[in-house]
Amino acid sequence: MAQYHDAVCRHCRREGTKLFLKGEKCFTHCTLDRRATPPGMHTQVRRRKVSDYGIQLRAKQRARRIYFLLENQFARYVERASQMSGVTGLNLLRLLEMRLDNAVYRLGFASSRRDARQLVSHGHFAVNGRPVNISSFAVKNGDEIQVRDSSKKLERILNSVAASEHRIVPPWLSLDREALTGKIVGEPSRNDIDQTIQEQLIVEYYSR
């Protein structure tokens, strides 16, 4: 599986906002707080008016980076969403939210989606009692996500759970912090998903 190995702080600088790709470190050691300019050379050059294409591109890039996906991965989700019944934009967001790595992050078992992807790929989680190490695994209503017994004392997970006590668990998930388990109890609604994502612009970008 293709992965992104370069510095992630440049993503936040390019989008001009925190994407929390480093979890709790983004609150205390954020590069954006020190260098708010976009990455690359000539960032002080006067910028022209952004075209409709440019606006759509930025919306797509922002969403892709929030979920920490590569271009081909993201494009496949857009294609799947367009083939489903209903509103394509909402279908896309639900497909992204129902990824196992995102559910692990939303439950507070990982400090970021990037961290969740690594924990899942290292085999620290099970779905309905069966080990799953595929971060893109699609969870569904009724599925139970458990930290495996061999990983329940992993400091990385325990620290994430402790740090996430202030984080709101979305209504489509239920969490048992003591047992380190979570359950899918519904489908995410639009209000449960990052309001800064402009899904209609993303659909328009891929409809060109």
N, C-alpha and C. Protein backbone atom coordinates (compact mmCIF):
# COMPACT_ATOMS: atom_id res chain seq x y z
N MET A 1 0.84 -1.19 0.00
CA MET A 1 0.00 0.00 0.00
C MET A 1 0.88 1.25 0.00
N ALA A 2 0.58 2.20 -0.89
CA ALA A 2 1.34 3.44 -0.97
C ALA A 2 1.13 4.27 0.29
N GLN A 3 2.19 4.93 0.73
CA GLN A 3 2.10 5.74 1.93
C GLN A 3 2.83 7.06 1.71
N TYR A 4 2.45 8.05 2.51
CA TYR A 4 3.10 9.36 2.48
C TYR A 4 4.13 9.40 3.60
N HIS A 5 5.40 9.67 3.23
CA HIS A 5 6.47 9.62 4.22
C HIS A 5 7.12 10.98 4.49
N ASP A 6 6.73 12.01 3.77
CA ASP A 6 7.36 13.32 3.95
C ASP A 6 6.75 14.07 5.13
N ALA A 7 7.27 15.26 5.39
CA ALA A 7 6.79 16.07 6.51
C ALA A 7 5.31 16.42 6.31
N VAL A 8 4.52 16.29 7.37
CA VAL A 8 3.09 16.56 7.25
C VAL A 8 2.74 17.99 7.60
N CYS A 9 3.63 18.69 8.29
CA CYS A 9 3.32 20.07 8.68
C CYS A 9 3.16 20.98 7.46
N ARG A 10 3.79 20.61 6.35
CA ARG A 10 3.67 21.41 5.14
C ARG A 10 2.21 21.40 4.63
N HIS A 11 1.47 20.32 4.94
CA HIS A 11 0.07 20.28 4.53
C HIS A 11 -0.73 21.37 5.23
N CYS A 12 -0.50 21.51 6.54
CA CYS A 12 -1.22 22.54 7.30
C CYS A 12 -0.84 23.93 6.80
N ARG A 13 0.44 24.12 6.51
CA ARG A 13 0.88 25.43 6.01
C ARG A 13 0.26 25.74 4.66
N ARG A 14 0.14 24.72 3.82
CA ARG A 14 -0.44 24.95 2.50
C ARG A 14 -1.93 25.28 2.59
N GLU A 15 -2.63 24.61 3.51
CA GLU A 15 -4.07 24.85 3.65
C GLU A 15 -4.36 26.05 4.54
N GLY A 16 -3.34 26.53 5.26
CA GLY A 16 -3.51 27.71 6.10
C GLY A 16 -4.29 27.46 7.37
N THR A 17 -4.40 26.21 7.79
CA THR A 17 -5.12 25.86 9.01
C THR A 17 -4.61 24.55 9.56
N LYS A 18 -4.83 24.31 10.84
CA LYS A 18 -4.37 23.07 11.46
C LYS A 18 -5.25 21.90 11.01
N LEU A 19 -4.59 20.84 10.53
CA LEU A 19 -5.29 19.63 10.14
C LEU A 19 -5.12 18.53 11.19
N PHE A 20 -4.35 18.81 12.23
CA PHE A 20 -4.14 17.90 13.36
C PHE A 20 -3.63 16.53 12.91
N LEU A 21 -2.65 16.56 12.03
CA LEU A 21 -2.05 15.32 11.53
C LEU A 21 -1.05 14.73 12.51
N LYS A 22 -0.68 15.52 13.53
CA LYS A 22 0.22 15.01 14.57
C LYS A 22 -0.47 14.91 15.92
N GLY A 23 -1.77 14.94 15.93
CA GLY A 23 -2.52 14.76 17.17
C GLY A 23 -2.30 15.89 18.15
N GLU A 24 -2.04 15.51 19.40
CA GLU A 24 -1.90 16.48 20.48
C GLU A 24 -0.71 17.42 20.28
N LYS A 25 0.31 17.01 19.53
CA LYS A 25 1.46 17.87 19.28
C LYS A 25 1.06 19.13 18.54
N CYS A 26 -0.05 19.06 17.81
CA CYS A 26 -0.49 20.22 17.05
C CYS A 26 -0.94 21.36 17.96
N PHE A 27 -1.26 21.04 19.21
CA PHE A 27 -1.67 22.07 20.16
C PHE A 27 -0.46 22.78 20.78
N THR A 28 0.66 22.08 20.87
CA THR A 28 1.81 22.63 21.62
C THR A 28 3.04 22.90 20.76
N HIS A 29 3.23 22.14 19.68
CA HIS A 29 4.43 22.30 18.85
C HIS A 29 4.04 22.44 17.38
N CYS A 30 3.16 23.37 17.09
CA CYS A 30 2.64 23.51 15.73
C CYS A 30 3.54 24.41 14.89
N THR A 31 3.99 23.91 13.76
CA THR A 31 4.81 24.69 12.84
C THR A 31 4.04 25.88 12.30
N LEU A 32 2.73 25.71 12.13
CA LEU A 32 1.91 26.78 11.59
C LEU A 32 1.91 28.01 12.48
N ASP A 33 2.09 27.82 13.78
CA ASP A 33 2.14 28.95 14.71
C ASP A 33 3.40 29.79 14.50
N ARG A 34 4.45 29.16 13.98
CA ARG A 34 5.71 29.86 13.76
C ARG A 34 5.88 30.35 12.33
N ARG A 35 5.37 29.54 11.38
CA ARG A 35 5.52 29.87 9.96
C ARG A 35 4.18 29.66 9.28
N ALA A 36 3.44 30.74 9.14
CA ALA A 36 2.09 30.65 8.58
C ALA A 36 2.07 30.73 7.06
N THR A 37 3.24 30.94 6.44
CA THR A 37 3.27 31.05 4.98
C THR A 37 3.22 29.67 4.33
N PRO A 38 2.70 29.58 3.11
CA PRO A 38 2.66 28.29 2.40
C PRO A 38 4.07 27.77 2.17
N PRO A 39 4.26 26.46 2.01
CA PRO A 39 5.59 25.91 1.78
C PRO A 39 6.07 26.24 0.37
N GLY A 40 7.38 26.12 0.17
CA GLY A 40 7.95 26.35 -1.15
C GLY A 40 8.54 27.73 -1.30
N MET A 41 9.18 27.95 -2.46
CA MET A 41 9.81 29.24 -2.76
C MET A 41 8.78 30.26 -3.24
N HIS A 42 9.17 31.53 -3.15
CA HIS A 42 8.40 32.64 -3.71
C HIS A 42 7.02 32.78 -3.07
N THR A 43 6.91 32.45 -1.80
CA THR A 43 5.59 32.53 -1.14
C THR A 43 5.15 33.97 -0.92
N GLN A 44 6.10 34.92 -1.03
CA GLN A 44 5.73 36.32 -0.82
C GLN A 44 5.31 37.01 -2.11
N VAL A 45 5.37 36.26 -3.23
CA VAL A 45 4.98 36.85 -4.51
C VAL A 45 3.48 37.14 -4.50
N ARG A 46 3.10 38.27 -5.07
CA ARG A 46 1.68 38.65 -5.11
C ARG A 46 0.87 37.58 -5.84
N ARG A 47 -0.20 37.13 -5.22
CA ARG A 47 -1.01 36.06 -5.80
C ARG A 47 -2.16 36.64 -6.63
N ARG A 48 -2.46 35.92 -7.72
CA ARG A 48 -3.57 36.33 -8.56
C ARG A 48 -4.88 35.83 -7.97
N LYS A 49 -5.98 36.34 -8.52
CA LYS A 49 -7.30 35.88 -8.09
C LYS A 49 -7.42 34.39 -8.38
N VAL A 50 -7.93 33.64 -7.40
CA VAL A 50 -8.05 32.19 -7.55
C VAL A 50 -9.23 31.85 -8.45
N SER A 51 -9.01 30.97 -9.41
CA SER A 51 -10.05 30.56 -10.34
C SER A 51 -11.00 29.57 -9.67
N ASP A 52 -12.11 29.27 -10.35
CA ASP A 52 -13.05 28.26 -9.84
C ASP A 52 -12.34 26.92 -9.69
N TYR A 53 -11.50 26.60 -10.66
CA TYR A 53 -10.74 25.35 -10.59
C TYR A 53 -9.84 25.33 -9.36
N GLY A 54 -9.20 26.46 -9.10
CA GLY A 54 -8.31 26.55 -7.94
C GLY A 54 -9.06 26.37 -6.64
N ILE A 55 -10.26 26.92 -6.55
CA ILE A 55 -11.08 26.78 -5.34
C ILE A 55 -11.48 25.32 -5.15
N GLN A 56 -11.87 24.66 -6.25
CA GLN A 56 -12.25 23.25 -6.18
C GLN A 56 -11.05 22.39 -5.80
N LEU A 57 -9.90 22.71 -6.36
CA LEU A 57 -8.68 21.95 -6.06
C LEU A 57 -8.33 22.04 -4.59
N ARG A 58 -8.41 23.24 -4.02
CA ARG A 58 -8.08 23.42 -2.62
C ARG A 58 -9.06 22.64 -1.73
N ALA A 59 -10.34 22.63 -2.10
CA ALA A 59 -11.33 21.88 -1.32
C ALA A 59 -11.01 20.39 -1.35
N LYS A 60 -10.62 19.89 -2.52
CA LYS A 60 -10.27 18.48 -2.66
C LYS A 60 -9.01 18.15 -1.87
N GLN A 61 -8.01 18.98 -1.97
CA GLN A 61 -6.74 18.74 -1.28
C GLN A 61 -6.92 18.78 0.23
N ARG A 62 -7.71 19.71 0.69
CA ARG A 62 -7.94 19.82 2.13
C ARG A 62 -8.61 18.56 2.68
N ALA A 63 -9.66 18.10 2.02
CA ALA A 63 -10.35 16.89 2.48
C ALA A 63 -9.43 15.68 2.41
N ARG A 64 -8.70 15.57 1.34
CA ARG A 64 -7.78 14.44 1.16
C ARG A 64 -6.73 14.40 2.27
N ARG A 65 -6.25 15.56 2.63
CA ARG A 65 -5.22 15.63 3.67
C ARG A 65 -5.79 15.43 5.07
N ILE A 66 -7.03 15.87 5.29
CA ILE A 66 -7.66 15.63 6.58
C ILE A 66 -7.74 14.13 6.86
N TYR A 67 -8.11 13.36 5.83
CA TYR A 67 -8.23 11.91 6.01
C TYR A 67 -6.93 11.19 5.70
N PHE A 68 -5.88 11.95 5.39
CA PHE A 68 -4.54 11.42 5.18
C PHE A 68 -4.52 10.33 4.11
N LEU A 69 -5.06 10.68 2.93
CA LEU A 69 -5.11 9.75 1.81
C LEU A 69 -4.29 10.28 0.64
N LEU A 70 -3.76 9.36 -0.15
CA LEU A 70 -3.09 9.75 -1.38
C LEU A 70 -4.12 10.01 -2.47
N GLU A 71 -3.70 10.62 -3.56
CA GLU A 71 -4.62 11.04 -4.61
C GLU A 71 -5.43 9.89 -5.19
N ASN A 72 -4.78 8.79 -5.55
CA ASN A 72 -5.50 7.68 -6.16
C ASN A 72 -6.50 7.05 -5.20
N GLN A 73 -6.13 6.97 -3.93
CA GLN A 73 -7.04 6.43 -2.92
C GLN A 73 -8.29 7.31 -2.83
N PHE A 74 -8.09 8.61 -2.77
CA PHE A 74 -9.21 9.54 -2.64
C PHE A 74 -10.10 9.49 -3.88
N ALA A 75 -9.49 9.43 -5.05
CA ALA A 75 -10.25 9.41 -6.30
C ALA A 75 -11.13 8.16 -6.38
N ARG A 76 -10.65 7.05 -5.86
CA ARG A 76 -11.45 5.82 -5.88
C ARG A 76 -12.69 5.96 -4.99
N TYR A 77 -12.54 6.66 -3.87
CA TYR A 77 -13.70 6.90 -3.01
C TYR A 77 -14.73 7.78 -3.70
N VAL A 78 -14.26 8.79 -4.44
CA VAL A 78 -15.18 9.66 -5.17
C VAL A 78 -15.93 8.85 -6.23
N GLU A 79 -15.23 7.96 -6.91
CA GLU A 79 -15.87 7.13 -7.94
C GLU A 79 -16.93 6.21 -7.32
N ARG A 80 -16.59 5.60 -6.18
CA ARG A 80 -17.56 4.73 -5.50
C ARG A 80 -18.78 5.53 -5.05
N ALA A 81 -18.55 6.72 -4.52
CA ALA A 81 -19.64 7.56 -4.03
C ALA A 81 -20.59 7.93 -5.17
N SER A 82 -20.03 8.18 -6.35
CA SER A 82 -20.86 8.58 -7.50
C SER A 82 -21.72 7.43 -8.00
N GLN A 83 -21.34 6.20 -7.71
CA GLN A 83 -22.08 5.04 -8.17
C GLN A 83 -23.17 4.61 -7.17
N MET A 84 -23.16 5.22 -6.01
CA MET A 84 -24.15 4.90 -4.99
C MET A 84 -25.39 5.78 -5.16
N SER A 85 -26.52 5.31 -4.65
CA SER A 85 -27.73 6.14 -4.69
C SER A 85 -27.63 7.23 -3.63
N GLY A 86 -28.31 8.35 -3.89
CA GLY A 86 -28.26 9.45 -2.93
C GLY A 86 -27.34 10.56 -3.39
N VAL A 87 -27.00 11.45 -2.46
CA VAL A 87 -26.16 12.61 -2.77
C VAL A 87 -24.69 12.19 -2.77
N THR A 88 -24.01 12.43 -3.86
CA THR A 88 -22.63 11.97 -4.02
C THR A 88 -21.71 12.52 -2.94
N GLY A 89 -21.85 13.80 -2.63
CA GLY A 89 -20.98 14.42 -1.64
C GLY A 89 -21.11 13.79 -0.27
N LEU A 90 -22.35 13.56 0.17
CA LEU A 90 -22.58 12.93 1.47
C LEU A 90 -22.13 11.48 1.45
N ASN A 91 -22.35 10.78 0.34
CA ASN A 91 -21.87 9.41 0.20
C ASN A 91 -20.36 9.35 0.38
N LEU A 92 -19.67 10.30 -0.23
CA LEU A 92 -18.21 10.35 -0.13
C LEU A 92 -17.76 10.50 1.32
N LEU A 93 -18.35 11.46 2.02
CA LEU A 93 -17.95 11.71 3.40
C LEU A 93 -18.24 10.51 4.29
N ARG A 94 -19.35 9.83 4.05
CA ARG A 94 -19.67 8.65 4.85
C ARG A 94 -18.69 7.50 4.58
N LEU A 95 -18.29 7.34 3.33
CA LEU A 95 -17.31 6.31 3.01
C LEU A 95 -15.99 6.58 3.73
N LEU A 96 -15.60 7.83 3.77
CA LEU A 96 -14.34 8.21 4.43
C LEU A 96 -14.46 8.03 5.94
N GLU A 97 -15.59 8.43 6.50
CA GLU A 97 -15.78 8.32 7.95
C GLU A 97 -15.83 6.87 8.41
N MET A 98 -16.34 5.97 7.57
CA MET A 98 -16.52 4.58 7.96
C MET A 98 -15.28 3.73 7.71
N ARG A 99 -14.17 4.35 7.38
CA ARG A 99 -12.90 3.63 7.33
C ARG A 99 -12.51 3.22 8.75
N LEU A 100 -11.87 2.08 8.88
CA LEU A 100 -11.49 1.61 10.22
C LEU A 100 -10.53 2.57 10.89
N ASP A 101 -9.54 3.09 10.16
CA ASP A 101 -8.59 3.99 10.81
C ASP A 101 -9.26 5.26 11.31
N ASN A 102 -10.26 5.76 10.57
CA ASN A 102 -10.98 6.95 11.03
C ASN A 102 -11.82 6.64 12.26
N ALA A 103 -12.47 5.47 12.27
CA ALA A 103 -13.28 5.09 13.44
C ALA A 103 -12.40 4.95 14.68
N VAL A 104 -11.21 4.37 14.51
CA VAL A 104 -10.27 4.24 15.62
C VAL A 104 -9.88 5.62 16.16
N TYR A 105 -9.64 6.56 15.26
CA TYR A 105 -9.30 7.92 15.67
C TYR A 105 -10.48 8.59 16.36
N ARG A 106 -11.67 8.44 15.80
CA ARG A 106 -12.86 9.06 16.37
C ARG A 106 -13.17 8.53 17.76
N LEU A 107 -12.85 7.27 18.00
CA LEU A 107 -13.08 6.67 19.32
C LEU A 107 -12.04 7.12 20.34
N GLY A 108 -10.95 7.72 19.87
CA GLY A 108 -9.92 8.20 20.78
C GLY A 108 -8.81 7.21 21.05
N PHE A 109 -8.75 6.12 20.28
CA PHE A 109 -7.70 5.12 20.47
C PHE A 109 -6.38 5.54 19.82
N ALA A 110 -6.42 6.60 19.04
CA ALA A 110 -5.23 7.11 18.36
C ALA A 110 -5.26 8.63 18.40
N SER A 111 -4.10 9.25 18.38
CA SER A 111 -4.02 10.70 18.51
C SER A 111 -4.34 11.43 17.22
N SER A 112 -4.26 10.73 16.08
CA SER A 112 -4.56 11.32 14.78
C SER A 112 -4.93 10.21 13.82
N ARG A 113 -5.46 10.58 12.67
CA ARG A 113 -5.77 9.56 11.67
C ARG A 113 -4.49 8.90 11.16
N ARG A 114 -3.45 9.67 11.08
CA ARG A 114 -2.16 9.12 10.67
C ARG A 114 -1.69 8.07 11.67
N ASP A 115 -1.80 8.38 12.94
CA ASP A 115 -1.42 7.45 14.00
C ASP A 115 -2.33 6.21 13.98
N ALA A 116 -3.62 6.43 13.74
CA ALA A 116 -4.58 5.32 13.69
C ALA A 116 -4.25 4.37 12.56
N ARG A 117 -3.87 4.91 11.42
CA ARG A 117 -3.52 4.05 10.28
C ARG A 117 -2.35 3.13 10.63
N GLN A 118 -1.37 3.68 11.31
CA GLN A 118 -0.21 2.86 11.67
C GLN A 118 -0.57 1.81 12.71
N LEU A 119 -1.37 2.19 13.70
CA LEU A 119 -1.77 1.22 14.72
C LEU A 119 -2.60 0.08 14.13
N VAL A 120 -3.49 0.42 13.21
CA VAL A 120 -4.29 -0.62 12.57
C VAL A 120 -3.40 -1.55 11.75
N SER A 121 -2.50 -0.98 10.97
CA SER A 121 -1.64 -1.80 10.11
C SER A 121 -0.71 -2.69 10.92
N HIS A 122 -0.44 -2.32 12.18
CA HIS A 122 0.42 -3.13 13.04
C HIS A 122 -0.38 -4.19 13.80
N GLY A 123 -1.68 -4.27 13.54
CA GLY A 123 -2.48 -5.36 14.08
C GLY A 123 -2.94 -5.20 15.51
N HIS A 124 -3.14 -3.96 15.97
CA HIS A 124 -3.54 -3.74 17.37
C HIS A 124 -5.05 -3.77 17.58
N PHE A 125 -5.84 -3.92 16.50
CA PHE A 125 -7.29 -3.85 16.64
C PHE A 125 -7.97 -5.06 16.01
N ALA A 126 -9.17 -5.34 16.53
CA ALA A 126 -10.00 -6.40 15.99
C ALA A 126 -11.39 -5.84 15.74
N VAL A 127 -12.06 -6.38 14.76
CA VAL A 127 -13.45 -6.01 14.46
C VAL A 127 -14.31 -7.26 14.63
N ASN A 128 -15.26 -7.18 15.54
CA ASN A 128 -16.12 -8.33 15.85
C ASN A 128 -15.30 -9.56 16.24
N GLY A 129 -14.20 -9.30 16.97
CA GLY A 129 -13.40 -10.39 17.49
C GLY A 129 -12.34 -10.92 16.53
N ARG A 130 -12.32 -10.42 15.30
CA ARG A 130 -11.34 -10.90 14.31
C ARG A 130 -10.30 -9.81 14.04
N PRO A 131 -9.01 -10.13 14.13
CA PRO A 131 -7.96 -9.14 13.88
C PRO A 131 -8.07 -8.56 12.46
N VAL A 132 -7.94 -7.24 12.37
CA VAL A 132 -7.97 -6.57 11.07
C VAL A 132 -6.79 -5.61 11.02
N ASN A 133 -5.97 -5.73 9.98
CA ASN A 133 -4.82 -4.83 9.85
C ASN A 133 -4.87 -4.02 8.56
N ILE A 134 -6.09 -3.85 8.04
CA ILE A 134 -6.29 -3.05 6.83
C ILE A 134 -6.96 -1.74 7.22
N SER A 135 -6.25 -0.64 7.10
CA SER A 135 -6.76 0.64 7.59
C SER A 135 -7.99 1.11 6.82
N SER A 136 -8.12 0.69 5.55
CA SER A 136 -9.27 1.12 4.75
C SER A 136 -10.48 0.22 4.93
N PHE A 137 -10.38 -0.76 5.81
CA PHE A 137 -11.50 -1.68 6.07
C PHE A 137 -12.76 -0.87 6.39
N ALA A 138 -13.86 -1.18 5.71
CA ALA A 138 -15.10 -0.42 5.90
C ALA A 138 -15.94 -1.04 7.02
N VAL A 139 -16.09 -0.30 8.10
CA VAL A 139 -16.94 -0.78 9.20
C VAL A 139 -18.39 -0.45 8.87
N LYS A 140 -19.31 -1.16 9.51
CA LYS A 140 -20.73 -0.94 9.25
C LYS A 140 -21.50 -0.96 10.57
N ASN A 141 -22.75 -0.56 10.48
CA ASN A 141 -23.59 -0.50 11.66
C ASN A 141 -23.63 -1.85 12.37
N GLY A 142 -23.37 -1.84 13.67
CA GLY A 142 -23.37 -3.07 14.47
C GLY A 142 -22.00 -3.64 14.72
N ASP A 143 -21.00 -3.20 13.97
CA ASP A 143 -19.64 -3.71 14.16
C ASP A 143 -19.06 -3.22 15.49
N GLU A 144 -18.28 -4.07 16.14
CA GLU A 144 -17.60 -3.70 17.38
C GLU A 144 -16.10 -3.68 17.13
N ILE A 145 -15.48 -2.60 17.53
CA ILE A 145 -14.04 -2.43 17.38
C ILE A 145 -13.39 -2.59 18.74
N GLN A 146 -12.42 -3.50 18.84
CA GLN A 146 -11.76 -3.75 20.12
C GLN A 146 -10.25 -3.57 19.99
N VAL A 147 -9.66 -3.01 21.05
CA VAL A 147 -8.20 -3.08 21.16
C VAL A 147 -7.88 -4.52 21.56
N ARG A 148 -7.01 -5.16 20.83
CA ARG A 148 -6.70 -6.56 21.10
C ARG A 148 -6.07 -6.72 22.49
N ASP A 149 -6.30 -7.85 23.12
CA ASP A 149 -5.82 -8.09 24.49
C ASP A 149 -4.32 -7.85 24.60
N SER A 150 -3.59 -8.25 23.58
CA SER A 150 -2.13 -8.11 23.62
C SER A 150 -1.68 -6.65 23.51
N SER A 151 -2.61 -5.76 23.16
CA SER A 151 -2.26 -4.35 22.95
C SER A 151 -2.88 -3.42 23.98
N LYS A 152 -3.62 -3.97 24.94
CA LYS A 152 -4.34 -3.13 25.89
C LYS A 152 -3.44 -2.38 26.86
N LYS A 153 -2.19 -2.80 26.96
CA LYS A 153 -1.25 -2.09 27.82
C LYS A 153 -0.27 -1.25 27.02
N LEU A 154 -0.52 -1.13 25.74
CA LEU A 154 0.35 -0.33 24.88
C LEU A 154 0.26 1.14 25.28
N GLU A 155 1.36 1.72 25.67
CA GLU A 155 1.38 3.08 26.19
C GLU A 155 0.85 4.08 25.17
N ARG A 156 1.12 3.84 23.92
CA ARG A 156 0.69 4.75 22.86
C ARG A 156 -0.84 4.85 22.80
N ILE A 157 -1.51 3.73 22.96
CA ILE A 157 -2.97 3.72 22.94
C ILE A 157 -3.54 4.31 24.22
N LEU A 158 -2.97 3.92 25.36
CA LEU A 158 -3.45 4.42 26.65
C LEU A 158 -3.30 5.93 26.74
N ASN A 159 -2.18 6.46 26.24
CA ASN A 159 -1.98 7.91 26.25
C ASN A 159 -3.00 8.62 25.37
N SER A 160 -3.32 8.01 24.24
CA SER A 160 -4.31 8.60 23.34
C SER A 160 -5.69 8.62 23.98
N VAL A 161 -6.05 7.54 24.65
CA VAL A 161 -7.35 7.46 25.32
C VAL A 161 -7.45 8.52 26.41
N ALA A 162 -6.37 8.66 27.18
CA ALA A 162 -6.37 9.65 28.26
C ALA A 162 -6.47 11.07 27.70
N ALA A 163 -5.76 11.32 26.61
CA ALA A 163 -5.74 12.67 26.03
C ALA A 163 -7.04 13.00 25.32
N SER A 164 -7.82 11.98 24.95
CA SER A 164 -9.04 12.22 24.16
C SER A 164 -10.28 12.38 25.02
N GLU A 165 -10.12 12.44 26.34
CA GLU A 165 -11.29 12.56 27.21
C GLU A 165 -12.08 13.83 26.93
N HIS A 166 -11.40 14.87 26.44
CA HIS A 166 -12.08 16.12 26.14
C HIS A 166 -12.70 16.11 24.74
N ARG A 167 -12.39 15.08 23.96
CA ARG A 167 -12.87 15.00 22.59
C ARG A 167 -14.26 14.35 22.57
N ILE A 168 -15.17 14.92 21.80
CA ILE A 168 -16.54 14.40 21.73
C ILE A 168 -16.59 13.20 20.78
N VAL A 169 -17.13 12.10 21.26
CA VAL A 169 -17.34 10.93 20.40
C VAL A 169 -18.61 11.17 19.60
N PRO A 170 -18.56 11.07 18.28
CA PRO A 170 -19.76 11.35 17.46
C PRO A 170 -20.89 10.37 17.76
N PRO A 171 -22.14 10.78 17.52
CA PRO A 171 -23.31 9.96 17.88
C PRO A 171 -23.38 8.60 17.18
N TRP A 172 -22.69 8.45 16.05
CA TRP A 172 -22.76 7.17 15.35
C TRP A 172 -21.81 6.13 15.93
N LEU A 173 -21.11 6.51 17.00
CA LEU A 173 -20.21 5.60 17.70
C LEU A 173 -20.55 5.57 19.19
N SER A 174 -20.34 4.43 19.82
CA SER A 174 -20.42 4.35 21.28
C SER A 174 -19.08 3.83 21.78
N LEU A 175 -18.67 4.30 22.94
CA LEU A 175 -17.33 4.00 23.45
C LEU A 175 -17.39 3.49 24.88
N ASP A 176 -16.64 2.44 25.14
CA ASP A 176 -16.42 1.94 26.50
C ASP A 176 -14.92 2.10 26.78
N ARG A 177 -14.56 3.20 27.46
CA ARG A 177 -13.15 3.49 27.69
C ARG A 177 -12.48 2.45 28.58
N GLU A 178 -13.22 1.91 29.54
CA GLU A 178 -12.64 0.93 30.45
C GLU A 178 -12.27 -0.37 29.72
N ALA A 179 -13.15 -0.82 28.85
CA ALA A 179 -12.92 -2.07 28.12
C ALA A 179 -12.13 -1.84 26.84
N LEU A 180 -11.90 -0.57 26.48
CA LEU A 180 -11.21 -0.22 25.24
C LEU A 180 -11.91 -0.84 24.03
N THR A 181 -13.21 -0.64 23.98
CA THR A 181 -14.00 -1.11 22.86
C THR A 181 -14.93 0.01 22.38
N GLY A 182 -15.30 -0.07 21.13
CA GLY A 182 -16.25 0.86 20.57
C GLY A 182 -17.19 0.13 19.64
N LYS A 183 -18.34 0.73 19.38
CA LYS A 183 -19.32 0.08 18.52
C LYS A 183 -19.91 1.08 17.54
N ILE A 184 -20.17 0.61 16.32
CA ILE A 184 -20.83 1.43 15.31
C ILE A 184 -22.33 1.30 15.56
N VAL A 185 -22.96 2.41 15.88
CA VAL A 185 -24.39 2.37 16.24
C VAL A 185 -25.26 3.12 15.23
N GLY A 186 -24.68 3.50 14.11
CA GLY A 186 -25.46 4.19 13.08
C GLY A 186 -24.55 4.64 11.96
N GLU A 187 -25.06 5.54 11.13
CA GLU A 187 -24.28 6.14 10.06
C GLU A 187 -24.03 7.61 10.40
N PRO A 188 -22.85 8.12 10.06
CA PRO A 188 -22.58 9.54 10.35
C PRO A 188 -23.49 10.46 9.54
N SER A 189 -24.04 11.46 10.19
CA SER A 189 -24.81 12.49 9.48
C SER A 189 -23.86 13.61 9.09
N ARG A 190 -24.33 14.53 8.28
CA ARG A 190 -23.46 15.63 7.84
C ARG A 190 -22.99 16.47 9.02
N ASN A 191 -23.82 16.62 10.04
CA ASN A 191 -23.45 17.42 11.21
C ASN A 191 -22.34 16.77 12.03
N ASP A 192 -22.12 15.47 11.84
CA ASP A 192 -21.09 14.76 12.60
C ASP A 192 -19.71 14.86 11.94
N ILE A 193 -19.66 15.44 10.75
CA ILE A 193 -18.45 15.45 9.94
C ILE A 193 -17.91 16.87 9.86
N ASP A 194 -16.59 16.98 9.74
CA ASP A 194 -15.90 18.27 9.68
C ASP A 194 -16.65 19.26 8.79
N GLN A 195 -17.12 20.35 9.39
CA GLN A 195 -17.93 21.32 8.66
C GLN A 195 -17.11 22.15 7.67
N THR A 196 -15.78 22.10 7.79
CA THR A 196 -14.96 22.88 6.85
C THR A 196 -14.77 22.17 5.51
N ILE A 197 -15.14 20.90 5.44
CA ILE A 197 -15.03 20.16 4.18
C ILE A 197 -16.17 20.59 3.26
N GLN A 198 -15.82 20.97 2.05
CA GLN A 198 -16.81 21.43 1.07
C GLN A 198 -16.99 20.33 0.01
N GLU A 199 -17.83 19.38 0.32
CA GLU A 199 -17.95 18.20 -0.53
C GLU A 199 -18.49 18.50 -1.92
N GLN A 200 -19.35 19.53 -2.04
CA GLN A 200 -19.89 19.85 -3.36
C GLN A 200 -18.79 20.33 -4.30
N LEU A 201 -17.84 21.09 -3.78
CA LEU A 201 -16.72 21.54 -4.60
C LEU A 201 -15.85 20.36 -5.03
N ILE A 202 -15.73 19.36 -4.16
CA ILE A 202 -14.95 18.17 -4.50
C ILE A 202 -15.62 17.42 -5.65
N VAL A 203 -16.93 17.26 -5.56
CA VAL A 203 -17.67 16.58 -6.62
C VAL A 203 -17.54 17.34 -7.93
N GLU A 204 -17.60 18.67 -7.87
CA GLU A 204 -17.45 19.49 -9.07
C GLU A 204 -16.06 19.34 -9.66
N TYR A 205 -15.05 19.22 -8.80
CA TYR A 205 -13.67 19.06 -9.28
C TYR A 205 -13.54 17.79 -10.12
N TYR A 206 -14.10 16.69 -9.62
CA TYR A 206 -13.98 15.42 -10.33
C TYR A 206 -14.97 15.28 -11.48
N SER A 207 -15.89 16.24 -11.59
CA SER A 207 -16.88 16.19 -12.68
C SER A 207 -16.44 17.00 -13.90
N ARG A 208 -15.26 17.58 -13.81
CA ARG A 208 -14.80 18.42 -14.92
C ARG A 208 -14.67 17.60 -16.22
